[in-house]
Amino acid sequence: MSDLADLDALSSRELHDLAVHRARHHMDLAFLWELLRALPAGEAAAGRPEHAQADAMKLSLLIGDAIDAGDEDVADALRPLYLDYLTKHRADLDEIWRHMHDQDQQKPEHSGA
């Protein structure tokens, strides 16, 4: 996982999840702040300048977008930011990756009933 080729093979959404999870795990506020600052540009690059303007005006929406980033187009636009961050912190990515997947496996299954 720590190899750049391994990171590049991940989807933008997976890169986002890994980067945000690592930043939250290590309380890396500098990266989260950088992500918050980059989000309006990511929204604009994804073809939604009106959403970028709204995000810039409403910090709570911006924080939610940074942590969740549910839109693949925005994740694609921010892909270089995620790759740069994860490459700088490759030493602990295997541990973070395992931790993320352990959490996913512990989530209860929701039934349709």
C-alpha atoms as a PDB file:
ATOM      1  CA  MET A   1       0.000   0.000   0.000  1.00  0.00           C
ATOM      2  CA  SER A   2       2.867   2.378   0.658  1.00  0.00           C
ATOM      3  CA  ASP A   3       4.057   2.302  -2.964  1.00  0.00           C
ATOM      4  CA  LEU A   4       3.000   5.237  -5.172  1.00  0.00           C
ATOM      5  CA  ALA A   5       1.799   2.791  -7.847  1.00  0.00           C
ATOM      6  CA  ASP A   6      -0.473   1.157  -5.256  1.00  0.00           C
ATOM      7  CA  LEU A   7      -1.909   4.552  -4.330  1.00  0.00           C
ATOM      8  CA  ASP A   8      -2.375   5.567  -7.952  1.00  0.00           C
ATOM      9  CA  ALA A   9      -4.361   2.375  -8.572  1.00  0.00           C
ATOM     10  CA  LEU A  10      -6.974   3.405  -5.988  1.00  0.00           C
ATOM     11  CA  SER A  11     -10.088   5.271  -7.062  1.00  0.00           C
ATOM     12  CA  SER A  12     -10.341   8.950  -6.176  1.00  0.00           C
ATOM     13  CA  ARG A  13     -13.013   8.062  -3.619  1.00  0.00           C
ATOM     14  CA  GLU A  14     -10.694   5.493  -1.988  1.00  0.00           C
ATOM     15  CA  LEU A  15      -7.866   8.048  -1.929  1.00  0.00           C
ATOM     16  CA  HIS A  16     -10.198  10.563  -0.281  1.00  0.00           C
ATOM     17  CA  ASP A  17     -11.338   8.058   2.319  1.00  0.00           C
ATOM     18  CA  LEU A  18      -7.783   6.955   3.107  1.00  0.00           C
ATOM     19  CA  ALA A  19      -6.438  10.525   3.326  1.00  0.00           C
ATOM     20  CA  VAL A  20      -9.295  11.778   5.507  1.00  0.00           C
ATOM     21  CA  HIS A  21      -9.153   8.696   7.703  1.00  0.00           C
ATOM     22  CA  ARG A  22      -5.394   9.131   8.176  1.00  0.00           C
ATOM     23  CA  ALA A  23      -5.802  12.843   8.945  1.00  0.00           C
ATOM     24  CA  ARG A  24      -8.566  12.183  11.476  1.00  0.00           C
ATOM     25  CA  HIS A  25      -6.650   9.293  13.071  1.00  0.00           C
ATOM     26  CA  HIS A  26      -3.559  11.477  13.528  1.00  0.00           C
ATOM     27  CA  MET A  27      -5.527  14.680  14.201  1.00  0.00           C
ATOM     28  CA  ASP A  28      -3.768  16.285  11.227  1.00  0.00           C
ATOM     29  CA  LEU A  29      -5.630  19.585  11.209  1.00  0.00           C
ATOM     30  CA  ALA A  30      -3.177  21.086   8.718  1.00  0.00           C
ATOM     31  CA  PHE A  31      -4.234  18.601   6.024  1.00  0.00           C
ATOM     32  CA  LEU A  32      -7.935  18.959   6.846  1.00  0.00           C
ATOM     33  CA  TRP A  33      -7.577  22.738   6.620  1.00  0.00           C
ATOM     34  CA  GLU A  34      -5.773  22.377   3.269  1.00  0.00           C
ATOM     35  CA  LEU A  35      -8.624  20.145   2.073  1.00  0.00           C
ATOM     36  CA  LEU A  36     -11.202  22.715   3.204  1.00  0.00           C
ATOM     37  CA  ARG A  37      -9.361  25.403   1.284  1.00  0.00           C
ATOM     38  CA  ALA A  38      -9.152  23.229  -1.865  1.00  0.00           C
ATOM     39  CA  LEU A  39     -12.794  22.105  -1.883  1.00  0.00           C
ATOM     40  CA  PRO A  40     -14.305  25.168  -3.619  1.00  0.00           C
ATOM     41  CA  ALA A  41     -11.758  24.784  -6.449  1.00  0.00           C
ATOM     42  CA  GLY A  42     -12.607  21.067  -6.630  1.00  0.00           C
ATOM     43  CA  GLU A  43     -16.298  21.883  -6.922  1.00  0.00           C
ATOM     44  CA  ALA A  44     -15.552  24.402  -9.677  1.00  0.00           C
ATOM     45  CA  ALA A  45     -13.339  21.901 -11.531  1.00  0.00           C
ATOM     46  CA  ALA A  46     -16.161  19.350 -11.277  1.00  0.00           C
ATOM     47  CA  GLY A  47     -18.391  21.819 -13.139  1.00  0.00           C
ATOM     48  CA  ARG A  48     -20.369  23.234 -10.220  1.00  0.00           C
ATOM     49  CA  PRO A  49     -19.142  26.799  -9.632  1.00  0.00           C
ATOM     50  CA  GLU A  50     -22.407  27.694  -7.853  1.00  0.00           C
ATOM     51  CA  HIS A  51     -21.814  24.930  -5.303  1.00  0.00           C
ATOM     52  CA  ALA A  52     -18.230  26.118  -4.871  1.00  0.00           C
ATOM     53  CA  GLN A  53     -19.491  29.597  -4.026  1.00  0.00           C
ATOM     54  CA  ALA A  54     -22.069  28.231  -1.572  1.00  0.00           C
ATOM     55  CA  ASP A  55     -19.395  26.069   0.083  1.00  0.00           C
ATOM     56  CA  ALA A  56     -17.086  29.031   0.452  1.00  0.00           C
ATOM     57  CA  MET A  57     -19.866  30.934   2.224  1.00  0.00           C
ATOM     58  CA  LYS A  58     -20.971  28.172   4.601  1.00  0.00           C
ATOM     59  CA  LEU A  59     -18.195  26.635   6.662  1.00  0.00           C
ATOM     60  CA  SER A  60     -20.378  23.843   8.056  1.00  0.00           C
ATOM     61  CA  LEU A  61     -21.224  22.617   4.552  1.00  0.00           C
ATOM     62  CA  LEU A  62     -17.573  22.849   3.597  1.00  0.00           C
ATOM     63  CA  ILE A  63     -16.491  20.752   6.591  1.00  0.00           C
ATOM     64  CA  GLY A  64     -19.132  18.132   5.776  1.00  0.00           C
ATOM     65  CA  ASP A  65     -18.001  18.033   2.146  1.00  0.00           C
ATOM     66  CA  ALA A  66     -14.361  17.676   3.178  1.00  0.00           C
ATOM     67  CA  ILE A  67     -15.013  14.743   5.491  1.00  0.00           C
ATOM     68  CA  ASP A  68     -17.578  12.964   3.326  1.00  0.00           C
ATOM     69  CA  ALA A  69     -16.854  14.126  -0.275  1.00  0.00           C
ATOM     70  CA  GLY A  70     -19.620  11.938  -1.641  1.00  0.00           C
ATOM     71  CA  ASP A  71     -19.236  13.269  -5.174  1.00  0.00           C
ATOM     72  CA  GLU A  72     -16.817  11.329  -7.379  1.00  0.00           C
ATOM     73  CA  ASP A  73     -16.217  14.352  -9.670  1.00  0.00           C
ATOM     74  CA  VAL A  74     -15.004  16.436  -6.722  1.00  0.00           C
ATOM     75  CA  ALA A  75     -12.869  13.550  -5.454  1.00  0.00           C
ATOM     76  CA  ASP A  76     -11.348  13.292  -8.949  1.00  0.00           C
ATOM     77  CA  ALA A  77     -10.592  17.026  -8.951  1.00  0.00           C
ATOM     78  CA  LEU A  78      -8.889  16.721  -5.554  1.00  0.00           C
ATOM     79  CA  ARG A  79      -7.017  13.511  -6.434  1.00  0.00           C
ATOM     80  CA  PRO A  80      -3.572  15.229  -6.649  1.00  0.00           C
ATOM     81  CA  LEU A  81      -4.057  16.602  -3.125  1.00  0.00           C
ATOM     82  CA  TYR A  82      -4.861  13.132  -1.754  1.00  0.00           C
ATOM     83  CA  LEU A  83      -1.944  11.509  -3.598  1.00  0.00           C
ATOM     84  CA  ASP A  84       0.498  14.137  -2.352  1.00  0.00           C
ATOM     85  CA  TYR A  85      -0.674  13.787   1.255  1.00  0.00           C
ATOM     86  CA  LEU A  86      -0.685  10.000   1.248  1.00  0.00           C
ATOM     87  CA  THR A  87       2.726   9.822  -0.429  1.00  0.00           C
ATOM     88  CA  LYS A  88       4.169  12.029   2.336  1.00  0.00           C
ATOM     89  CA  HIS A  89       2.720   9.702   4.973  1.00  0.00           C
ATOM     90  CA  ARG A  90       3.277   6.309   3.382  1.00  0.00           C
ATOM     91  CA  ALA A  91       4.962   4.861   6.466  1.00  0.00           C
ATOM     92  CA  ASP A  92       1.674   4.317   8.293  1.00  0.00           C
ATOM     93  CA  LEU A  93      -0.712   3.694   5.387  1.00  0.00           C
ATOM     94  CA  ASP A  94      -0.829  -0.074   5.819  1.00  0.00           C
ATOM     95  CA  GLU A  95      -1.957   0.412   9.421  1.00  0.00           C
ATOM     96  CA  ILE A  96      -4.546   3.042   8.429  1.00  0.00           C
ATOM     97  CA  TRP A  97      -5.829   0.857   5.566  1.00  0.00           C
ATOM     98  CA  ARG A  98      -6.308  -2.110   7.921  1.00  0.00           C
ATOM     99  CA  HIS A  99      -7.991   0.119  10.510  1.00  0.00           C
ATOM    100  CA  MET A 100     -10.436   1.451   7.896  1.00  0.00           C
ATOM    101  CA  HIS A 101     -11.344  -2.039   6.729  1.00  0.00           C
ATOM    102  CA  ASP A 102     -11.693  -3.335  10.291  1.00  0.00           C
ATOM    103  CA  GLN A 103     -14.179  -0.521  10.959  1.00  0.00           C
ATOM    104  CA  ASP A 104     -16.105  -1.360   7.782  1.00  0.00           C
ATOM    105  CA  GLN A 105     -16.409  -4.988   8.830  1.00  0.00           C
ATOM    106  CA  GLN A 106     -17.697  -3.993  12.270  1.00  0.00           C
ATOM    107  CA  LYS A 107     -20.559  -1.885  10.869  1.00  0.00           C
ATOM    108  CA  PRO A 108     -23.913  -3.622  11.345  1.00  0.00           C
ATOM    109  CA  GLU A 109     -25.758  -4.743   8.257  1.00  0.00           C
ATOM    110  CA  HIS A 110     -29.033  -2.920   7.696  1.00  0.00           C
ATOM    111  CA  SER A 111     -31.947  -5.081   6.736  1.00  0.00           C
ATOM    112  CA  GLY A 112     -34.689  -3.866   4.478  1.00  0.00           C
ATOM    113  CA  ALA A 113     -37.362  -5.007   6.933  1.00  0.00           C
END
